[in-house]
Amino acid sequence: MVYITSWDEFVDRTVQLYRADPDSTRYVMKYRHCDGKLVLKVTDNKQCLKYKTDQSQEAKKMEKLNNIFFTLMARGPEVDLSEVTGKEQTDAQPAKRGRGRKQ
């Protein structure tokens, strides 16, 4: 169990691990508030990939990884992941309107 230091490498390797054996792959998040550390772990009982961070800015990266895994689990491991972007979240928000008179 070696920690992977590069985020992109971690995401690529975890997607490969999931696609190789989707039935036995697990994804675990652990946050220790007293240390301010987040540990992400993906395993299939043969191989274990871990990523550790203490940067609060990387929470958005974790959300993107969650979206990737949700997509893989819902649509199947053969899905094209280029569709998974943050645009769905911003498009769903209604446009803000001014507080003026209606015309």
PDB file of N, CA and C in Angstrom:
ATOM      1  N   MET A   1       0.823  -1.183   0.000  1.00  0.00           N
ATOM      2  CA  MET A   1       0.000   0.000   0.000  1.00  0.00           C
ATOM      3  C   MET A   1       0.867   1.245   0.000  1.00  0.00           C
ATOM      4  N   VAL A   2       1.166   1.706  -1.164  1.00  0.00           N
ATOM      5  CA  VAL A   2       1.977   2.903  -1.316  1.00  0.00           C
ATOM      6  C   VAL A   2       1.061   4.042  -1.725  1.00  0.00           C
ATOM      7  N   TYR A   3       1.270   5.201  -1.154  1.00  0.00           N
ATOM      8  CA  TYR A   3       0.489   6.373  -1.522  1.00  0.00           C
ATOM      9  C   TYR A   3       0.963   6.894  -2.870  1.00  0.00           C
ATOM     10  N   ILE A   4       0.020   7.206  -3.735  1.00  0.00           N
ATOM     11  CA  ILE A   4       0.318   7.797  -5.036  1.00  0.00           C
ATOM     12  C   ILE A   4       0.326   9.311  -4.837  1.00  0.00           C
ATOM     13  N   THR A   5       1.377   9.968  -5.291  1.00  0.00           N
ATOM     14  CA  THR A   5       1.519  11.407  -5.045  1.00  0.00           C
ATOM     15  C   THR A   5       0.856  12.266  -6.117  1.00  0.00           C
ATOM     16  N   SER A   6       0.709  11.758  -7.322  1.00  0.00           N
ATOM     17  CA  SER A   6       0.112  12.529  -8.412  1.00  0.00           C
ATOM     18  C   SER A   6      -1.388  12.245  -8.496  1.00  0.00           C
ATOM     19  N   TRP A   7      -2.200  13.303  -8.481  1.00  0.00           N
ATOM     20  CA  TRP A   7      -3.649  13.137  -8.536  1.00  0.00           C
ATOM     21  C   TRP A   7      -4.090  12.494  -9.853  1.00  0.00           C
ATOM     22  N   ASP A   8      -3.538  12.957 -10.984  1.00  0.00           N
ATOM     23  CA  ASP A   8      -3.937  12.418 -12.287  1.00  0.00           C
ATOM     24  C   ASP A   8      -3.607  10.934 -12.395  1.00  0.00           C
ATOM     25  N   GLU A   9      -2.447  10.548 -11.901  1.00  0.00           N
ATOM     26  CA  GLU A   9      -2.068   9.136 -11.921  1.00  0.00           C
ATOM     27  C   GLU A   9      -3.016   8.316 -11.041  1.00  0.00           C
ATOM     28  N   PHE A  10      -3.389   8.856  -9.889  1.00  0.00           N
ATOM     29  CA  PHE A  10      -4.309   8.163  -8.993  1.00  0.00           C
ATOM     30  C   PHE A  10      -5.658   7.928  -9.678  1.00  0.00           C
ATOM     31  N   VAL A  11      -6.199   8.952 -10.324  1.00  0.00           N
ATOM     32  CA  VAL A  11      -7.491   8.826 -11.003  1.00  0.00           C
ATOM     33  C   VAL A  11      -7.398   7.808 -12.131  1.00  0.00           C
ATOM     34  N   ASP A  12      -6.360   7.884 -12.953  1.00  0.00           N
ATOM     35  CA  ASP A  12      -6.209   6.951 -14.068  1.00  0.00           C
ATOM     36  C   ASP A  12      -6.110   5.506 -13.587  1.00  0.00           C
ATOM     37  N   ARG A  13      -5.296   5.281 -12.571  1.00  0.00           N
ATOM     38  CA  ARG A  13      -5.101   3.917 -12.069  1.00  0.00           C
ATOM     39  C   ARG A  13      -6.341   3.375 -11.373  1.00  0.00           C
ATOM     40  N   THR A  14      -7.094   4.239 -10.678  1.00  0.00           N
ATOM     41  CA  THR A  14      -8.312   3.753 -10.029  1.00  0.00           C
ATOM     42  C   THR A  14      -9.388   3.406 -11.045  1.00  0.00           C
ATOM     43  N   VAL A  15      -9.496   4.178 -12.120  1.00  0.00           N
ATOM     44  CA  VAL A  15     -10.464   3.862 -13.173  1.00  0.00           C
ATOM     45  C   VAL A  15     -10.086   2.538 -13.840  1.00  0.00           C
ATOM     46  N   GLN A  16      -8.809   2.333 -14.108  1.00  0.00           N
ATOM     47  CA  GLN A  16      -8.358   1.058 -14.680  1.00  0.00           C
ATOM     48  C   GLN A  16      -8.665  -0.099 -13.742  1.00  0.00           C
ATOM     49  N   LEU A  17      -8.433   0.099 -12.452  1.00  0.00           N
ATOM     50  CA  LEU A  17      -8.699  -0.938 -11.461  1.00  0.00           C
ATOM     51  C   LEU A  17     -10.187  -1.279 -11.428  1.00  0.00           C
ATOM     52  N   TYR A  18     -11.044  -0.261 -11.461  1.00  0.00           N
ATOM     53  CA  TYR A  18     -12.488  -0.505 -11.451  1.00  0.00           C
ATOM     54  C   TYR A  18     -12.932  -1.226 -12.716  1.00  0.00           C
ATOM     55  N   ARG A  19     -12.437  -0.795 -13.857  1.00  0.00           N
ATOM     56  CA  ARG A  19     -12.838  -1.423 -15.120  1.00  0.00           C
ATOM     57  C   ARG A  19     -12.375  -2.871 -15.222  1.00  0.00           C
ATOM     58  N   ALA A  20     -11.267  -3.208 -14.579  1.00  0.00           N
ATOM     59  CA  ALA A  20     -10.763  -4.583 -14.617  1.00  0.00           C
ATOM     60  C   ALA A  20     -11.667  -5.532 -13.823  1.00  0.00           C
ATOM     61  N   ASP A  21     -12.199  -5.083 -12.685  1.00  0.00           N
ATOM     62  CA  ASP A  21     -13.043  -5.943 -11.850  1.00  0.00           C
ATOM     63  C   ASP A  21     -14.058  -5.093 -11.088  1.00  0.00           C
ATOM     64  N   PRO A  22     -15.161  -4.690 -11.746  1.00  0.00           N
ATOM     65  CA  PRO A  22     -16.115  -3.780 -11.105  1.00  0.00           C
ATOM     66  C   PRO A  22     -16.875  -4.396  -9.929  1.00  0.00           C
ATOM     67  N   ASP A  23     -17.013  -5.712  -9.883  1.00  0.00           N
ATOM     68  CA  ASP A  23     -17.794  -6.334  -8.817  1.00  0.00           C
ATOM     69  C   ASP A  23     -17.088  -6.336  -7.468  1.00  0.00           C
ATOM     70  N   SER A  24     -15.766  -6.358  -7.461  1.00  0.00           N
ATOM     71  CA  SER A  24     -15.070  -6.445  -6.176  1.00  0.00           C
ATOM     72  C   SER A  24     -14.271  -5.182  -5.823  1.00  0.00           C
ATOM     73  N   THR A  25     -14.395  -4.132  -6.607  1.00  0.00           N
ATOM     74  CA  THR A  25     -13.652  -2.904  -6.330  1.00  0.00           C
ATOM     75  C   THR A  25     -14.413  -2.039  -5.328  1.00  0.00           C
ATOM     76  N   ARG A  26     -13.689  -1.533  -4.338  1.00  0.00           N
ATOM     77  CA  ARG A  26     -14.273  -0.673  -3.313  1.00  0.00           C
ATOM     78  C   ARG A  26     -13.553   0.665  -3.296  1.00  0.00           C
ATOM     79  N   TYR A  27     -14.308   1.708  -2.931  1.00  0.00           N
ATOM     80  CA  TYR A  27     -13.793   3.074  -2.868  1.00  0.00           C
ATOM     81  C   TYR A  27     -14.117   3.618  -1.483  1.00  0.00           C
ATOM     82  N   VAL A  28     -13.078   4.009  -0.738  1.00  0.00           N
ATOM     83  CA  VAL A  28     -13.263   4.453   0.640  1.00  0.00           C
ATOM     84  C   VAL A  28     -12.635   5.832   0.816  1.00  0.00           C
ATOM     85  N   MET A  29     -13.359   6.711   1.534  1.00  0.00           N
ATOM     86  CA  MET A  29     -12.829   8.021   1.901  1.00  0.00           C
ATOM     87  C   MET A  29     -12.728   8.074   3.416  1.00  0.00           C
ATOM     88  N   LYS A  30     -11.634   8.612   3.916  1.00  0.00           N
ATOM     89  CA  LYS A  30     -11.479   8.764   5.355  1.00  0.00           C
ATOM     90  C   LYS A  30     -10.927  10.158   5.631  1.00  0.00           C
ATOM     91  N   TYR A  31     -11.620  10.880   6.495  1.00  0.00           N
ATOM     92  CA  TYR A  31     -11.196  12.236   6.851  1.00  0.00           C
ATOM     93  C   TYR A  31     -10.963  12.299   8.348  1.00  0.00           C
ATOM     94  N   ARG A  32      -9.801  12.801   8.738  1.00  0.00           N
ATOM     95  CA  ARG A  32      -9.480  13.005  10.156  1.00  0.00           C
ATOM     96  C   ARG A  32      -9.453  14.505  10.406  1.00  0.00           C
ATOM     97  N   HIS A  33     -10.477  14.978  11.114  1.00  0.00           N
ATOM     98  CA  HIS A  33     -10.607  16.415  11.362  1.00  0.00           C
ATOM     99  C   HIS A  33      -9.460  16.958  12.221  1.00  0.00           C
ATOM    100  N   CYS A  34      -9.024  16.176  13.197  1.00  0.00           N
ATOM    101  CA  CYS A  34      -7.963  16.671  14.086  1.00  0.00           C
ATOM    102  C   CYS A  34      -6.650  16.883  13.326  1.00  0.00           C
ATOM    103  N   ASP A  35      -6.392  16.079  12.301  1.00  0.00           N
ATOM    104  CA  ASP A  35      -5.185  16.237  11.481  1.00  0.00           C
ATOM    105  C   ASP A  35      -5.444  17.068  10.235  1.00  0.00           C
ATOM    106  N   GLY A  36      -6.707  17.148   9.816  1.00  0.00           N
ATOM    107  CA  GLY A  36      -7.050  17.845   8.583  1.00  0.00           C
ATOM    108  C   GLY A  36      -6.598  17.075   7.360  1.00  0.00           C
ATOM    109  N   LYS A  37      -6.580  15.740   7.451  1.00  0.00           N
ATOM    110  CA  LYS A  37      -6.103  14.906   6.342  1.00  0.00           C
ATOM    111  C   LYS A  37      -7.238  14.093   5.752  1.00  0.00           C
ATOM    112  N   LEU A  38      -7.224  14.006   4.435  1.00  0.00           N
ATOM    113  CA  LEU A  38      -8.181  13.204   3.689  1.00  0.00           C
ATOM    114  C   LEU A  38      -7.414  12.087   3.000  1.00  0.00           C
ATOM    115  N   VAL A  39      -7.887  10.851   3.165  1.00  0.00           N
ATOM    116  CA  VAL A  39      -7.257   9.694   2.521  1.00  0.00           C
ATOM    117  C   VAL A  39      -8.303   9.023   1.656  1.00  0.00           C
ATOM    118  N   LEU A  40      -7.988   8.835   0.383  1.00  0.00           N
ATOM    119  CA  LEU A  40      -8.841   8.116  -0.550  1.00  0.00           C
ATOM    120  C   LEU A  40      -8.183   6.778  -0.845  1.00  0.00           C
ATOM    121  N   LYS A  41      -8.978   5.717  -0.827  1.00  0.00           N
ATOM    122  CA  LYS A  41      -8.437   4.374  -1.019  1.00  0.00           C
ATOM    123  C   LYS A  41      -9.344   3.617  -1.972  1.00  0.00           C
ATOM    124  N   VAL A  42      -8.763   2.992  -2.984  1.00  0.00           N
ATOM    125  CA  VAL A  42      -9.489   2.145  -3.918  1.00  0.00           C
ATOM    126  C   VAL A  42      -8.782   0.803  -3.935  1.00  0.00           C
ATOM    127  N   THR A  43      -9.547  -0.271  -3.719  1.00  0.00           N
ATOM    128  CA  THR A  43      -8.946  -1.593  -3.660  1.00  0.00           C
ATOM    129  C   THR A  43      -9.863  -2.637  -4.281  1.00  0.00           C
ATOM    130  N   ASP A  44      -9.248  -3.705  -4.761  1.00  0.00           N
ATOM    131  CA  ASP A  44     -10.008  -4.858  -5.254  1.00  0.00           C
ATOM    132  C   ASP A  44      -9.536  -6.144  -4.562  1.00  0.00           C
ATOM    133  N   ASN A  45      -8.974  -6.028  -3.382  1.00  0.00           N
ATOM    134  CA  ASN A  45      -8.440  -7.109  -2.557  1.00  0.00           C
ATOM    135  C   ASN A  45      -7.135  -7.695  -3.089  1.00  0.00           C
ATOM    136  N   LYS A  46      -6.706  -7.280  -4.268  1.00  0.00           N
ATOM    137  CA  LYS A  46      -5.413  -7.706  -4.808  1.00  0.00           C
ATOM    138  C   LYS A  46      -4.450  -6.532  -4.878  1.00  0.00           C
ATOM    139  N   GLN A  47      -4.995  -5.387  -5.211  1.00  0.00           N
ATOM    140  CA  GLN A  47      -4.200  -4.177  -5.372  1.00  0.00           C
ATOM    141  C   GLN A  47      -4.880  -3.054  -4.589  1.00  0.00           C
ATOM    142  N   CYS A  48      -4.084  -2.236  -3.932  1.00  0.00           N
ATOM    143  CA  CYS A  48      -4.617  -1.133  -3.127  1.00  0.00           C
ATOM    144  C   CYS A  48      -3.942   0.167  -3.549  1.00  0.00           C
ATOM    145  N   LEU A  49      -4.757   1.147  -3.929  1.00  0.00           N
ATOM    146  CA  LEU A  49      -4.254   2.455  -4.339  1.00  0.00           C
ATOM    147  C   LEU A  49      -4.737   3.487  -3.336  1.00  0.00           C
ATOM    148  N   LYS A  50      -3.822   4.319  -2.838  1.00  0.00           N
ATOM    149  CA  LYS A  50      -4.174   5.324  -1.835  1.00  0.00           C
ATOM    150  C   LYS A  50      -3.632   6.689  -2.237  1.00  0.00           C
ATOM    151  N   TYR A  51      -4.391   7.714  -1.848  1.00  0.00           N
ATOM    152  CA  TYR A  51      -3.987   9.100  -2.079  1.00  0.00           C
ATOM    153  C   TYR A  51      -4.279   9.878  -0.807  1.00  0.00           C
ATOM    154  N   LYS A  52      -3.308  10.631  -0.322  1.00  0.00           N
ATOM    155  CA  LYS A  52      -3.459  11.389   0.921  1.00  0.00           C
ATOM    156  C   LYS A  52      -3.185  12.861   0.653  1.00  0.00           C
ATOM    157  N   THR A  53      -4.014  13.711   1.266  1.00  0.00           N
ATOM    158  CA  THR A  53      -3.824  15.142   1.120  1.00  0.00           C
ATOM    159  C   THR A  53      -4.265  15.866   2.389  1.00  0.00           C
ATOM    160  N   ASP A  54      -3.707  17.040   2.583  1.00  0.00           N
ATOM    161  CA  ASP A  54      -4.157  17.904   3.675  1.00  0.00           C
ATOM    162  C   ASP A  54      -4.558  19.280   3.138  1.00  0.00           C
ATOM    163  N   GLN A  55      -4.730  19.379   1.831  1.00  0.00           N
ATOM    164  CA  GLN A  55      -5.100  20.628   1.178  1.00  0.00           C
ATOM    165  C   GLN A  55      -6.615  20.701   1.004  1.00  0.00           C
ATOM    166  N   SER A  56      -7.236  21.745   1.510  1.00  0.00           N
ATOM    167  CA  SER A  56      -8.686  21.874   1.401  1.00  0.00           C
ATOM    168  C   SER A  56      -9.130  22.157  -0.038  1.00  0.00           C
ATOM    169  N   GLN A  57      -8.228  22.675  -0.865  1.00  0.00           N
ATOM    170  CA  GLN A  57      -8.575  22.961  -2.258  1.00  0.00           C
ATOM    171  C   GLN A  57      -8.824  21.685  -3.055  1.00  0.00           C
ATOM    172  N   GLU A  58      -8.350  20.560  -2.580  1.00  0.00           N
ATOM    173  CA  GLU A  58      -8.499  19.305  -3.319  1.00  0.00           C
ATOM    174  C   GLU A  58      -9.846  18.647  -3.070  1.00  0.00           C
ATOM    175  N   ALA A  59     -10.734  19.288  -2.343  1.00  0.00           N
ATOM    176  CA  ALA A  59     -12.079  18.745  -2.143  1.00  0.00           C
ATOM    177  C   ALA A  59     -12.838  18.704  -3.463  1.00  0.00           C
ATOM    178  N   LYS A  60     -12.616  19.670  -4.331  1.00  0.00           N
ATOM    179  CA  LYS A  60     -13.264  19.671  -5.652  1.00  0.00           C
ATOM    180  C   LYS A  60     -12.792  18.484  -6.480  1.00  0.00           C
ATOM    181  N   LYS A  61     -11.524  18.132  -6.358  1.00  0.00           N
ATOM    182  CA  LYS A  61     -11.009  16.964  -7.075  1.00  0.00           C
ATOM    183  C   LYS A  61     -11.699  15.700  -6.585  1.00  0.00           C
ATOM    184  N   MET A  62     -11.927  15.625  -5.277  1.00  0.00           N
ATOM    185  CA  MET A  62     -12.605  14.467  -4.721  1.00  0.00           C
ATOM    186  C   MET A  62     -14.032  14.380  -5.262  1.00  0.00           C
ATOM    187  N   GLU A  63     -14.710  15.504  -5.403  1.00  0.00           N
ATOM    188  CA  GLU A  63     -16.062  15.515  -5.967  1.00  0.00           C
ATOM    189  C   GLU A  63     -16.058  15.000  -7.405  1.00  0.00           C
ATOM    190  N   LYS A  64     -15.058  15.382  -8.184  1.00  0.00           N
ATOM    191  CA  LYS A  64     -14.964  14.900  -9.561  1.00  0.00           C
ATOM    192  C   LYS A  64     -14.723  13.389  -9.597  1.00  0.00           C
ATOM    193  N   LEU A  65     -13.890  12.896  -8.668  1.00  0.00           N
ATOM    194  CA  LEU A  65     -13.658  11.454  -8.605  1.00  0.00           C
ATOM    195  C   LEU A  65     -14.944  10.729  -8.216  1.00  0.00           C
ATOM    196  N   ASN A  66     -15.715  11.296  -7.298  1.00  0.00           N
ATOM    197  CA  ASN A  66     -17.005  10.705  -6.945  1.00  0.00           C
ATOM    198  C   ASN A  66     -17.920  10.644  -8.164  1.00  0.00           C
ATOM    199  N   ASN A  67     -17.962  11.717  -8.948  1.00  0.00           N
ATOM    200  CA  ASN A  67     -18.788  11.731 -10.157  1.00  0.00           C
ATOM    201  C   ASN A  67     -18.337  10.668 -11.149  1.00  0.00           C
ATOM    202  N   ILE A  68     -17.032  10.474 -11.264  1.00  0.00           N
ATOM    203  CA  ILE A  68     -16.507   9.445 -12.166  1.00  0.00           C
ATOM    204  C   ILE A  68     -16.977   8.064 -11.711  1.00  0.00           C
ATOM    205  N   PHE A  69     -16.842   7.783 -10.411  1.00  0.00           N
ATOM    206  CA  PHE A  69     -17.262   6.469  -9.913  1.00  0.00           C
ATOM    207  C   PHE A  69     -18.774   6.289 -10.000  1.00  0.00           C
ATOM    208  N   PHE A  70     -19.552   7.335  -9.732  1.00  0.00           N
ATOM    209  CA  PHE A  70     -21.000   7.230  -9.872  1.00  0.00           C
ATOM    210  C   PHE A  70     -21.378   6.910 -11.316  1.00  0.00           C
ATOM    211  N   THR A  71     -20.710   7.551 -12.257  1.00  0.00           N
ATOM    212  CA  THR A  71     -20.978   7.296 -13.668  1.00  0.00           C
ATOM    213  C   THR A  71     -20.602   5.876 -14.042  1.00  0.00           C
ATOM    214  N   LEU A  72     -19.442   5.409 -13.607  1.00  0.00           N
ATOM    215  CA  LEU A  72     -19.022   4.046 -13.904  1.00  0.00           C
ATOM    216  C   LEU A  72     -19.976   3.016 -13.314  1.00  0.00           C
ATOM    217  N   MET A  73     -20.448   3.270 -12.108  1.00  0.00           N
ATOM    218  CA  MET A  73     -21.338   2.311 -11.453  1.00  0.00           C
ATOM    219  C   MET A  73     -22.742   2.334 -12.043  1.00  0.00           C
ATOM    220  N   ALA A  74     -23.209   3.488 -12.453  1.00  0.00           N
ATOM    221  CA  ALA A  74     -24.568   3.589 -12.975  1.00  0.00           C
ATOM    222  C   ALA A  74     -24.672   3.172 -14.434  1.00  0.00           C
ATOM    223  N   ARG A  75     -23.708   3.561 -15.245  1.00  0.00           N
ATOM    224  CA  ARG A  75     -23.786   3.307 -16.688  1.00  0.00           C
ATOM    225  C   ARG A  75     -22.971   2.112 -17.145  1.00  0.00           C
ATOM    226  N   GLY A  76     -22.128   1.595 -16.295  1.00  0.00           N
ATOM    227  CA  GLY A  76     -21.306   0.451 -16.662  1.00  0.00           C
ATOM    228  C   GLY A  76     -19.869   0.856 -16.888  1.00  0.00           C
ATOM    229  N   PRO A  77     -18.938  -0.095 -16.763  1.00  0.00           N
ATOM    230  CA  PRO A  77     -17.515   0.233 -16.849  1.00  0.00           C
ATOM    231  C   PRO A  77     -17.036   0.625 -18.252  1.00  0.00           C
ATOM    232  N   GLU A  78     -17.852   0.424 -19.277  1.00  0.00           N
ATOM    233  CA  GLU A  78     -17.417   0.742 -20.647  1.00  0.00           C
ATOM    234  C   GLU A  78     -17.762   2.166 -21.058  1.00  0.00           C
ATOM    235  N   VAL A  79     -18.379   2.943 -20.175  1.00  0.00           N
ATOM    236  CA  VAL A  79     -18.836   4.288 -20.506  1.00  0.00           C
ATOM    237  C   VAL A  79     -17.652   5.208 -20.824  1.00  0.00           C
ATOM    238  N   ASP A  80     -17.901   6.171 -21.720  1.00  0.00           N
ATOM    239  CA  ASP A  80     -16.899   7.172 -22.068  1.00  0.00           C
ATOM    240  C   ASP A  80     -16.894   8.244 -20.979  1.00  0.00           C
ATOM    241  N   LEU A  81     -15.768   8.405 -20.304  1.00  0.00           N
ATOM    242  CA  LEU A  81     -15.692   9.328 -19.179  1.00  0.00           C
ATOM    243  C   LEU A  81     -15.474  10.774 -19.601  1.00  0.00           C
ATOM    244  N   SER A  82     -15.334  11.049 -20.887  1.00  0.00           N
ATOM    245  CA  SER A  82     -15.177  12.434 -21.313  1.00  0.00           C
ATOM    246  C   SER A  82     -16.464  13.223 -21.097  1.00  0.00           C
ATOM    247  N   GLU A  83     -17.592  12.513 -20.908  1.00  0.00           N
ATOM    248  CA  GLU A  83     -18.864  13.176 -20.647  1.00  0.00           C
ATOM    249  C   GLU A  83     -18.928  13.735 -19.230  1.00  0.00           C
ATOM    250  N   VAL A  84     -18.135  13.185 -18.317  1.00  0.00           N
ATOM    251  CA  VAL A  84     -18.202  13.577 -16.909  1.00  0.00           C
ATOM    252  C   VAL A  84     -17.412  14.864 -16.718  1.00  0.00           C
ATOM    253  N   THR A  85     -18.148  15.974 -16.562  1.00  0.00           N
ATOM    254  CA  THR A  85     -17.523  17.276 -16.315  1.00  0.00           C
ATOM    255  C   THR A  85     -18.304  17.995 -15.241  1.00  0.00           C
ATOM    256  N   GLY A  86     -17.835  19.126 -14.817  1.00  0.00           N
ATOM    257  CA  GLY A  86     -18.535  19.913 -13.807  1.00  0.00           C
ATOM    258  C   GLY A  86     -19.630  20.783 -14.386  1.00  0.00           C
ATOM    259  N   LYS A  87     -19.867  20.732 -15.702  1.00  0.00           N
ATOM    260  CA  LYS A  87     -20.848  21.604 -16.334  1.00  0.00           C
ATOM    261  C   LYS A  87     -22.269  21.299 -15.900  1.00  0.00           C
ATOM    262  N   GLU A  88     -22.582  20.033 -15.585  1.00  0.00           N
ATOM    263  CA  GLU A  88     -23.939  19.681 -15.200  1.00  0.00           C
ATOM    264  C   GLU A  88     -24.355  20.434 -13.937  1.00  0.00           C
ATOM    265  N   GLN A  89     -23.447  20.627 -13.018  1.00  0.00           N
ATOM    266  CA  GLN A  89     -23.773  21.292 -11.769  1.00  0.00           C
ATOM    267  C   GLN A  89     -24.056  22.776 -11.987  1.00  0.00           C
ATOM    268  N   THR A  90     -23.297  23.439 -12.851  1.00  0.00           N
ATOM    269  CA  THR A  90     -23.516  24.871 -13.061  1.00  0.00           C
ATOM    270  C   THR A  90     -24.729  25.119 -13.946  1.00  0.00           C
ATOM    271  N   ASP A  91     -25.032  24.214 -14.882  1.00  0.00           N
ATOM    272  CA  ASP A  91     -26.190  24.386 -15.746  1.00  0.00           C
ATOM    273  C   ASP A  91     -27.492  24.208 -14.977  1.00  0.00           C
ATOM    274  N   ALA A  92     -27.483  23.431 -13.922  1.00  0.00           N
ATOM    275  CA  ALA A  92     -28.696  23.142 -13.169  1.00  0.00           C
ATOM    276  C   ALA A  92     -29.130  24.319 -12.301  1.00  0.00           C
ATOM    277  N   GLN A  93     -28.247  25.248 -12.022  1.00  0.00           N
ATOM    278  CA  GLN A  93     -28.599  26.380 -11.176  1.00  0.00           C
ATOM    279  C   GLN A  93     -29.402  27.402 -11.978  1.00  0.00           C
ATOM    280  N   PRO A  94     -30.491  27.913 -11.407  1.00  0.00           N
ATOM    281  CA  PRO A  94     -31.280  28.914 -12.142  1.00  0.00           C
ATOM    282  C   PRO A  94     -30.515  30.235 -12.247  1.00  0.00           C
ATOM    283  N   ALA A  95     -30.827  30.982 -13.290  1.00  0.00           N
ATOM    284  CA  ALA A  95     -30.168  32.272 -13.496  1.00  0.00           C
ATOM    285  C   ALA A  95     -30.691  33.265 -12.465  1.00  0.00           C
ATOM    286  N   LYS A  96     -29.812  34.117 -11.970  1.00  0.00           N
ATOM    287  CA  LYS A  96     -30.205  35.120 -10.989  1.00  0.00           C
ATOM    288  C   LYS A  96     -30.881  36.273 -11.728  1.00  0.00           C
ATOM    289  N   ARG A  97     -31.940  36.763 -11.124  1.00  0.00           N
ATOM    290  CA  ARG A  97     -32.658  37.882 -11.737  1.00  0.00           C
ATOM    291  C   ARG A  97     -32.564  39.094 -10.826  1.00  0.00           C
ATOM    292  N   GLY A  98     -32.635  40.245 -11.413  1.00  0.00           N
ATOM    293  CA  GLY A  98     -32.564  41.485 -10.649  1.00  0.00           C
ATOM    294  C   GLY A  98     -33.809  41.704  -9.799  1.00  0.00           C
ATOM    295  N   ARG A  99     -33.752  42.695  -8.929  1.00  0.00           N
ATOM    296  CA  ARG A  99     -34.864  42.970  -8.037  1.00  0.00           C
ATOM    297  C   ARG A  99     -35.714  44.148  -8.521  1.00  0.00           C
ATOM    298  N   GLY A 100     -35.687  44.447  -9.797  1.00  0.00           N
ATOM    299  CA  GLY A 100     -36.436  45.592 -10.342  1.00  0.00           C
ATOM    300  C   GLY A 100     -37.896  45.251 -10.611  1.00  0.00           C
ATOM    301  N   ARG A 101     -38.601  46.219 -11.194  1.00  0.00           N
ATOM    302  CA  ARG A 101     -40.003  46.027 -11.539  1.00  0.00           C
ATOM    303  C   ARG A 101     -40.137  45.093 -12.704  1.00  0.00           C
ATOM    304  N   LYS A 102     -41.230  44.330 -12.695  1.00  0.00           N
ATOM    305  CA  LYS A 102     -41.529  43.492 -13.850  1.00  0.00           C
ATOM    306  C   LYS A 102     -42.072  44.369 -14.954  1.00  0.00           C
ATOM    307  N   GLN A 103     -41.707  44.080 -16.170  1.00  0.00           N
ATOM    308  CA  GLN A 103     -42.188  44.885 -17.295  1.00  0.00           C
ATOM    309  C   GLN A 103     -43.115  44.109 -18.159  1.00  0.00           C
TER     310      GLN A 103
END
